[in-house]
Amino acid sequence: MANIRIPIKVEDALQHPKWAEAMEAEMSALQRNDTWSIVSLPSGKKPVGYKWIFNLKHRANGTIDRFKARLVAKGYTQPFGIDYQEIFTLVEKMNTIRVLLSLAANFSWPLNQFDVKNVFSMRI
């Protein structure tokens, strides 16, 4: 397990049971959370594509904690200015994390660690 390669292609990921399991977990979470609905594509429009992103999560001692697969939209294929206000995706910024850690240290706030398994976009 120490020599696990992170796949780039879906075909490669599907050859490894742990990556296939991670993909299945992602799809199950997307379906369970009712993340999308199937609608007709307006005439003359192209759908935004998608891509699988793979990564390994490690424990503090360096061993593999879990295999992680994310299905993401290729938002960069979207025509400029069209439907830009429809979807919001939360992205953490290091400066924000630093400010929060500084506040916690200065005000003696307790800190907890957690891992977010699934993040879902929300309509504005």
N, C-alpha and C. Protein backbone atom coordinates (compact mmCIF):
# COMPACT_ATOMS: atom_id res chain seq x y z
N MET A 1 0.81 -1.21 0.00
CA MET A 1 0.00 0.00 0.00
C MET A 1 0.85 1.27 0.00
N ALA A 2 2.09 1.18 0.43
CA ALA A 2 2.93 2.37 0.53
C ALA A 2 3.25 2.97 -0.83
N ASN A 3 3.11 2.19 -1.90
CA ASN A 3 3.48 2.66 -3.22
C ASN A 3 2.24 2.92 -4.08
N ILE A 4 1.19 3.47 -3.51
CA ILE A 4 -0.06 3.73 -4.21
C ILE A 4 0.10 4.97 -5.09
N ARG A 5 -0.31 4.84 -6.34
CA ARG A 5 -0.27 5.97 -7.27
C ARG A 5 -1.64 6.60 -7.37
N ILE A 6 -1.67 7.90 -7.43
CA ILE A 6 -2.93 8.62 -7.59
C ILE A 6 -3.27 8.62 -9.08
N PRO A 7 -4.42 8.05 -9.44
CA PRO A 7 -4.76 7.97 -10.86
C PRO A 7 -5.14 9.32 -11.45
N ILE A 8 -4.93 9.43 -12.75
CA ILE A 8 -5.35 10.63 -13.48
C ILE A 8 -6.58 10.30 -14.31
N LYS A 9 -6.64 9.09 -14.82
CA LYS A 9 -7.75 8.67 -15.66
C LYS A 9 -8.71 7.79 -14.87
N VAL A 10 -9.99 7.91 -15.18
CA VAL A 10 -11.02 7.10 -14.53
C VAL A 10 -10.76 5.62 -14.79
N GLU A 11 -10.33 5.30 -15.99
CA GLU A 11 -10.07 3.90 -16.34
C GLU A 11 -9.03 3.28 -15.42
N ASP A 12 -8.01 4.06 -15.07
CA ASP A 12 -6.97 3.58 -14.16
C ASP A 12 -7.52 3.40 -12.75
N ALA A 13 -8.35 4.35 -12.32
CA ALA A 13 -8.93 4.28 -10.97
C ALA A 13 -9.83 3.06 -10.82
N LEU A 14 -10.58 2.75 -11.85
CA LEU A 14 -11.51 1.63 -11.78
C LEU A 14 -10.80 0.28 -11.71
N GLN A 15 -9.53 0.23 -12.03
CA GLN A 15 -8.75 -1.00 -11.95
C GLN A 15 -8.33 -1.32 -10.51
N HIS A 16 -8.43 -0.34 -9.62
CA HIS A 16 -8.00 -0.51 -8.23
C HIS A 16 -9.24 -0.48 -7.34
N PRO A 17 -9.51 -1.54 -6.59
CA PRO A 17 -10.74 -1.61 -5.78
C PRO A 17 -10.94 -0.44 -4.81
N LYS A 18 -9.87 0.06 -4.21
CA LYS A 18 -10.00 1.15 -3.24
C LYS A 18 -10.44 2.45 -3.93
N TRP A 19 -9.90 2.73 -5.13
CA TRP A 19 -10.31 3.92 -5.87
C TRP A 19 -11.74 3.78 -6.35
N ALA A 20 -12.11 2.59 -6.83
CA ALA A 20 -13.48 2.34 -7.28
C ALA A 20 -14.46 2.52 -6.12
N GLU A 21 -14.07 2.06 -4.94
CA GLU A 21 -14.89 2.22 -3.74
C GLU A 21 -15.06 3.70 -3.39
N ALA A 22 -13.99 4.49 -3.53
CA ALA A 22 -14.05 5.93 -3.25
C ALA A 22 -14.98 6.62 -4.23
N MET A 23 -14.95 6.21 -5.50
CA MET A 23 -15.84 6.79 -6.51
C MET A 23 -17.29 6.45 -6.19
N GLU A 24 -17.53 5.22 -5.78
CA GLU A 24 -18.89 4.79 -5.43
C GLU A 24 -19.41 5.58 -4.22
N ALA A 25 -18.54 5.81 -3.24
CA ALA A 25 -18.93 6.59 -2.06
C ALA A 25 -19.29 8.02 -2.45
N GLU A 26 -18.55 8.61 -3.37
CA GLU A 26 -18.84 9.97 -3.83
C GLU A 26 -20.18 10.01 -4.56
N MET A 27 -20.40 9.06 -5.45
CA MET A 27 -21.67 9.03 -6.19
C MET A 27 -22.85 8.80 -5.24
N SER A 28 -22.68 7.93 -4.27
CA SER A 28 -23.75 7.67 -3.29
C SER A 28 -24.07 8.93 -2.51
N ALA A 29 -23.05 9.67 -2.10
CA ALA A 29 -23.27 10.91 -1.34
C ALA A 29 -23.97 11.95 -2.20
N LEU A 30 -23.58 12.06 -3.45
CA LEU A 30 -24.23 13.02 -4.36
C LEU A 30 -25.70 12.68 -4.54
N GLN A 31 -26.00 11.40 -4.71
CA GLN A 31 -27.39 10.97 -4.88
C GLN A 31 -28.18 11.13 -3.58
N ARG A 32 -27.60 10.74 -2.46
CA ARG A 32 -28.26 10.82 -1.16
C ARG A 32 -28.62 12.26 -0.81
N ASN A 33 -27.77 13.20 -1.19
CA ASN A 33 -28.00 14.61 -0.87
C ASN A 33 -28.77 15.35 -1.96
N ASP A 34 -29.30 14.60 -2.93
CA ASP A 34 -30.13 15.18 -3.99
C ASP A 34 -29.43 16.39 -4.62
N THR A 35 -28.18 16.17 -5.02
CA THR A 35 -27.31 17.24 -5.50
C THR A 35 -27.71 17.78 -6.86
N TRP A 36 -28.37 16.98 -7.67
CA TRP A 36 -28.74 17.45 -9.00
C TRP A 36 -30.11 16.93 -9.38
N SER A 37 -30.63 17.50 -10.46
CA SER A 37 -31.86 16.99 -11.07
C SER A 37 -31.63 16.95 -12.58
N ILE A 38 -32.23 15.99 -13.22
CA ILE A 38 -32.08 15.85 -14.67
C ILE A 38 -33.09 16.76 -15.34
N VAL A 39 -32.60 17.62 -16.23
CA VAL A 39 -33.45 18.56 -16.95
C VAL A 39 -33.07 18.53 -18.43
N SER A 40 -33.94 19.07 -19.25
CA SER A 40 -33.64 19.16 -20.69
C SER A 40 -32.64 20.28 -20.93
N LEU A 41 -31.70 20.03 -21.82
CA LEU A 41 -30.71 21.05 -22.18
C LEU A 41 -31.36 22.04 -23.14
N PRO A 42 -31.29 23.34 -22.83
CA PRO A 42 -31.87 24.32 -23.77
C PRO A 42 -31.20 24.21 -25.14
N SER A 43 -31.97 24.45 -26.18
CA SER A 43 -31.40 24.30 -27.53
C SER A 43 -30.28 25.32 -27.74
N GLY A 44 -29.26 24.85 -28.41
CA GLY A 44 -28.11 25.71 -28.70
C GLY A 44 -27.11 25.83 -27.56
N LYS A 45 -27.34 25.15 -26.45
CA LYS A 45 -26.44 25.22 -25.29
C LYS A 45 -25.64 23.94 -25.16
N LYS A 46 -24.45 24.07 -24.61
CA LYS A 46 -23.60 22.91 -24.35
C LYS A 46 -23.55 22.67 -22.84
N PRO A 47 -23.60 21.42 -22.42
CA PRO A 47 -23.50 21.16 -20.98
C PRO A 47 -22.07 21.40 -20.47
N VAL A 48 -21.97 21.76 -19.22
CA VAL A 48 -20.67 21.88 -18.57
C VAL A 48 -20.21 20.46 -18.26
N GLY A 49 -18.98 20.14 -18.61
CA GLY A 49 -18.46 18.79 -18.39
C GLY A 49 -18.10 18.54 -16.95
N TYR A 50 -17.55 17.38 -16.69
CA TYR A 50 -17.14 17.01 -15.34
C TYR A 50 -15.84 16.22 -15.41
N LYS A 51 -15.22 16.08 -14.26
CA LYS A 51 -13.96 15.35 -14.17
C LYS A 51 -13.85 14.72 -12.78
N TRP A 52 -13.24 13.55 -12.73
CA TRP A 52 -12.95 12.91 -11.45
C TRP A 52 -11.58 13.38 -10.97
N ILE A 53 -11.48 13.75 -9.70
CA ILE A 53 -10.22 14.14 -9.07
C ILE A 53 -9.95 13.13 -7.96
N PHE A 54 -8.75 12.60 -7.91
CA PHE A 54 -8.38 11.59 -6.93
C PHE A 54 -7.28 12.11 -6.02
N ASN A 55 -7.32 11.68 -4.76
CA ASN A 55 -6.29 12.08 -3.80
C ASN A 55 -6.24 11.07 -2.66
N LEU A 56 -5.15 11.07 -1.96
CA LEU A 56 -4.99 10.23 -0.78
C LEU A 56 -5.00 11.11 0.46
N LYS A 57 -5.67 10.68 1.49
CA LYS A 57 -5.64 11.36 2.79
C LYS A 57 -4.76 10.53 3.71
N HIS A 58 -3.84 11.20 4.39
CA HIS A 58 -2.89 10.50 5.27
C HIS A 58 -3.14 10.83 6.73
N ARG A 59 -2.79 9.91 7.59
CA ARG A 59 -2.81 10.15 9.04
C ARG A 59 -1.56 10.94 9.42
N ALA A 60 -1.50 11.37 10.65
CA ALA A 60 -0.35 12.14 11.12
C ALA A 60 0.95 11.34 11.03
N ASN A 61 0.86 10.00 11.14
CA ASN A 61 2.07 9.18 11.07
C ASN A 61 2.48 8.83 9.64
N GLY A 62 1.74 9.35 8.66
CA GLY A 62 2.10 9.15 7.25
C GLY A 62 1.42 7.97 6.57
N THR A 63 0.71 7.15 7.32
CA THR A 63 0.01 6.03 6.70
C THR A 63 -1.26 6.53 6.00
N ILE A 64 -1.74 5.75 5.06
CA ILE A 64 -2.93 6.15 4.30
C ILE A 64 -4.17 6.01 5.17
N ASP A 65 -4.92 7.08 5.27
CA ASP A 65 -6.17 7.08 6.02
C ASP A 65 -7.32 6.64 5.12
N ARG A 66 -7.40 7.25 3.92
CA ARG A 66 -8.45 6.86 2.99
C ARG A 66 -8.15 7.34 1.58
N PHE A 67 -8.84 6.72 0.65
CA PHE A 67 -8.78 7.09 -0.75
C PHE A 67 -9.94 8.06 -0.99
N LYS A 68 -9.67 9.15 -1.68
CA LYS A 68 -10.67 10.18 -1.86
C LYS A 68 -10.89 10.43 -3.34
N ALA A 69 -12.15 10.42 -3.77
CA ALA A 69 -12.51 10.72 -5.15
C ALA A 69 -13.57 11.81 -5.14
N ARG A 70 -13.42 12.81 -6.00
CA ARG A 70 -14.38 13.89 -6.10
C ARG A 70 -14.80 14.04 -7.56
N LEU A 71 -16.10 14.23 -7.77
CA LEU A 71 -16.63 14.51 -9.09
C LEU A 71 -16.87 16.01 -9.15
N VAL A 72 -16.16 16.69 -10.04
CA VAL A 72 -16.24 18.15 -10.10
C VAL A 72 -16.66 18.62 -11.48
N ALA A 73 -17.36 19.73 -11.51
CA ALA A 73 -17.77 20.34 -12.78
C ALA A 73 -16.60 21.11 -13.37
N LYS A 74 -16.50 21.09 -14.68
CA LYS A 74 -15.46 21.87 -15.38
C LYS A 74 -16.02 23.27 -15.61
N GLY A 75 -16.09 24.04 -14.54
CA GLY A 75 -16.66 25.38 -14.62
C GLY A 75 -15.92 26.30 -15.58
N TYR A 76 -14.67 26.01 -15.84
CA TYR A 76 -13.88 26.85 -16.74
C TYR A 76 -14.36 26.74 -18.19
N THR A 77 -15.22 25.77 -18.50
CA THR A 77 -15.76 25.65 -19.86
C THR A 77 -17.01 26.50 -20.04
N GLN A 78 -17.48 27.11 -18.98
CA GLN A 78 -18.69 27.92 -19.00
C GLN A 78 -18.42 29.23 -19.76
N PRO A 79 -19.33 29.64 -20.66
CA PRO A 79 -19.15 30.93 -21.35
C PRO A 79 -19.11 32.08 -20.35
N PHE A 80 -18.25 33.04 -20.57
CA PHE A 80 -18.05 34.15 -19.65
C PHE A 80 -19.35 34.89 -19.36
N GLY A 81 -19.64 35.08 -18.07
CA GLY A 81 -20.77 35.90 -17.63
C GLY A 81 -22.13 35.24 -17.65
N ILE A 82 -22.24 34.00 -18.14
CA ILE A 82 -23.54 33.34 -18.20
C ILE A 82 -23.72 32.45 -16.98
N ASP A 83 -24.79 32.67 -16.24
CA ASP A 83 -25.13 31.88 -15.04
C ASP A 83 -24.02 31.87 -13.99
N TYR A 84 -23.23 32.92 -13.91
CA TYR A 84 -22.15 32.96 -12.92
C TYR A 84 -22.67 33.08 -11.50
N GLN A 85 -23.86 33.61 -11.31
CA GLN A 85 -24.39 33.82 -9.97
C GLN A 85 -25.23 32.65 -9.47
N GLU A 86 -25.37 31.60 -10.25
CA GLU A 86 -26.24 30.48 -9.90
C GLU A 86 -25.66 29.55 -8.84
N ILE A 87 -24.36 29.34 -8.85
CA ILE A 87 -23.75 28.35 -7.97
C ILE A 87 -22.67 29.01 -7.12
N PHE A 88 -22.61 28.61 -5.87
CA PHE A 88 -21.58 29.08 -4.95
C PHE A 88 -20.85 27.88 -4.39
N THR A 89 -19.54 27.90 -4.48
CA THR A 89 -18.75 26.81 -3.91
C THR A 89 -17.81 27.39 -2.87
N LEU A 90 -17.87 26.84 -1.68
CA LEU A 90 -17.04 27.30 -0.59
C LEU A 90 -15.60 26.84 -0.79
N VAL A 91 -14.66 27.77 -0.71
CA VAL A 91 -13.25 27.46 -0.81
C VAL A 91 -12.53 28.13 0.36
N GLU A 92 -11.75 27.34 1.08
CA GLU A 92 -11.04 27.93 2.21
C GLU A 92 -9.82 28.71 1.72
N LYS A 93 -9.51 29.76 2.42
CA LYS A 93 -8.33 30.58 2.12
C LYS A 93 -7.39 30.49 3.31
N MET A 94 -6.11 30.36 3.05
CA MET A 94 -5.13 30.23 4.14
C MET A 94 -5.14 31.45 5.06
N ASN A 95 -5.34 32.64 4.51
CA ASN A 95 -5.38 33.84 5.36
C ASN A 95 -6.52 33.76 6.36
N THR A 96 -7.67 33.24 5.93
CA THR A 96 -8.82 33.09 6.83
C THR A 96 -8.51 32.09 7.93
N ILE A 97 -7.87 30.98 7.57
CA ILE A 97 -7.50 29.97 8.56
C ILE A 97 -6.52 30.55 9.57
N ARG A 98 -5.55 31.33 9.09
CA ARG A 98 -4.57 31.96 10.00
C ARG A 98 -5.26 32.91 10.97
N VAL A 99 -6.21 33.70 10.48
CA VAL A 99 -6.93 34.63 11.35
C VAL A 99 -7.72 33.86 12.41
N LEU A 100 -8.40 32.79 12.00
CA LEU A 100 -9.17 31.99 12.96
C LEU A 100 -8.27 31.35 14.01
N LEU A 101 -7.12 30.83 13.59
CA LEU A 101 -6.18 30.24 14.55
C LEU A 101 -5.63 31.29 15.50
N SER A 102 -5.36 32.48 14.98
CA SER A 102 -4.87 33.57 15.83
C SER A 102 -5.93 33.97 16.86
N LEU A 103 -7.19 34.08 16.42
CA LEU A 103 -8.27 34.41 17.35
C LEU A 103 -8.42 33.33 18.42
N ALA A 104 -8.35 32.09 17.99
CA ALA A 104 -8.47 30.97 18.95
C ALA A 104 -7.36 31.02 19.99
N ALA A 105 -6.15 31.32 19.54
CA ALA A 105 -5.01 31.38 20.47
C ALA A 105 -5.15 32.57 21.42
N ASN A 106 -5.54 33.73 20.90
CA ASN A 106 -5.64 34.94 21.72
C ASN A 106 -6.80 34.91 22.70
N PHE A 107 -7.88 34.23 22.35
CA PHE A 107 -9.05 34.19 23.22
C PHE A 107 -9.22 32.84 23.92
N SER A 108 -8.20 32.00 23.83
CA SER A 108 -8.22 30.67 24.46
C SER A 108 -9.45 29.84 24.06
N TRP A 109 -9.83 29.96 22.80
CA TRP A 109 -10.94 29.16 22.29
C TRP A 109 -10.48 27.72 22.09
N PRO A 110 -11.34 26.75 22.39
CA PRO A 110 -10.95 25.36 22.12
C PRO A 110 -10.97 25.09 20.61
N LEU A 111 -10.07 24.25 20.17
CA LEU A 111 -9.99 23.88 18.75
C LEU A 111 -10.30 22.40 18.60
N ASN A 112 -11.00 22.06 17.54
CA ASN A 112 -11.29 20.68 17.20
C ASN A 112 -10.93 20.47 15.73
N GLN A 113 -10.60 19.26 15.39
CA GLN A 113 -10.28 18.94 14.01
C GLN A 113 -11.37 18.04 13.46
N PHE A 114 -11.71 18.25 12.21
CA PHE A 114 -12.65 17.35 11.55
C PHE A 114 -12.34 17.32 10.06
N ASP A 115 -12.79 16.28 9.41
CA ASP A 115 -12.58 16.11 7.99
C ASP A 115 -13.94 16.13 7.30
N VAL A 116 -14.11 17.02 6.36
CA VAL A 116 -15.36 17.11 5.62
C VAL A 116 -15.30 16.11 4.47
N LYS A 117 -16.19 15.14 4.49
CA LYS A 117 -16.17 14.10 3.45
C LYS A 117 -16.83 14.57 2.17
N ASN A 118 -17.87 15.36 2.27
CA ASN A 118 -18.57 15.84 1.08
C ASN A 118 -18.95 17.29 1.26
N VAL A 119 -18.73 18.07 0.22
CA VAL A 119 -19.12 19.46 0.21
C VAL A 119 -20.03 19.64 -0.99
N PHE A 120 -21.13 20.35 -0.80
CA PHE A 120 -22.08 20.51 -1.87
C PHE A 120 -22.28 21.98 -2.17
N SER A 121 -22.35 22.31 -3.45
CA SER A 121 -22.64 23.67 -3.87
C SER A 121 -24.07 24.00 -3.53
N MET A 122 -24.34 25.27 -3.38
CA MET A 122 -25.71 25.67 -3.09
C MET A 122 -26.15 26.75 -4.06
N ARG A 123 -27.41 26.75 -4.39
CA ARG A 123 -27.95 27.77 -5.29
C ARG A 123 -28.15 29.06 -4.52
N ILE A 124 -27.84 30.16 -5.18
CA ILE A 124 -28.02 31.49 -4.56
C ILE A 124 -29.38 32.03 -4.93
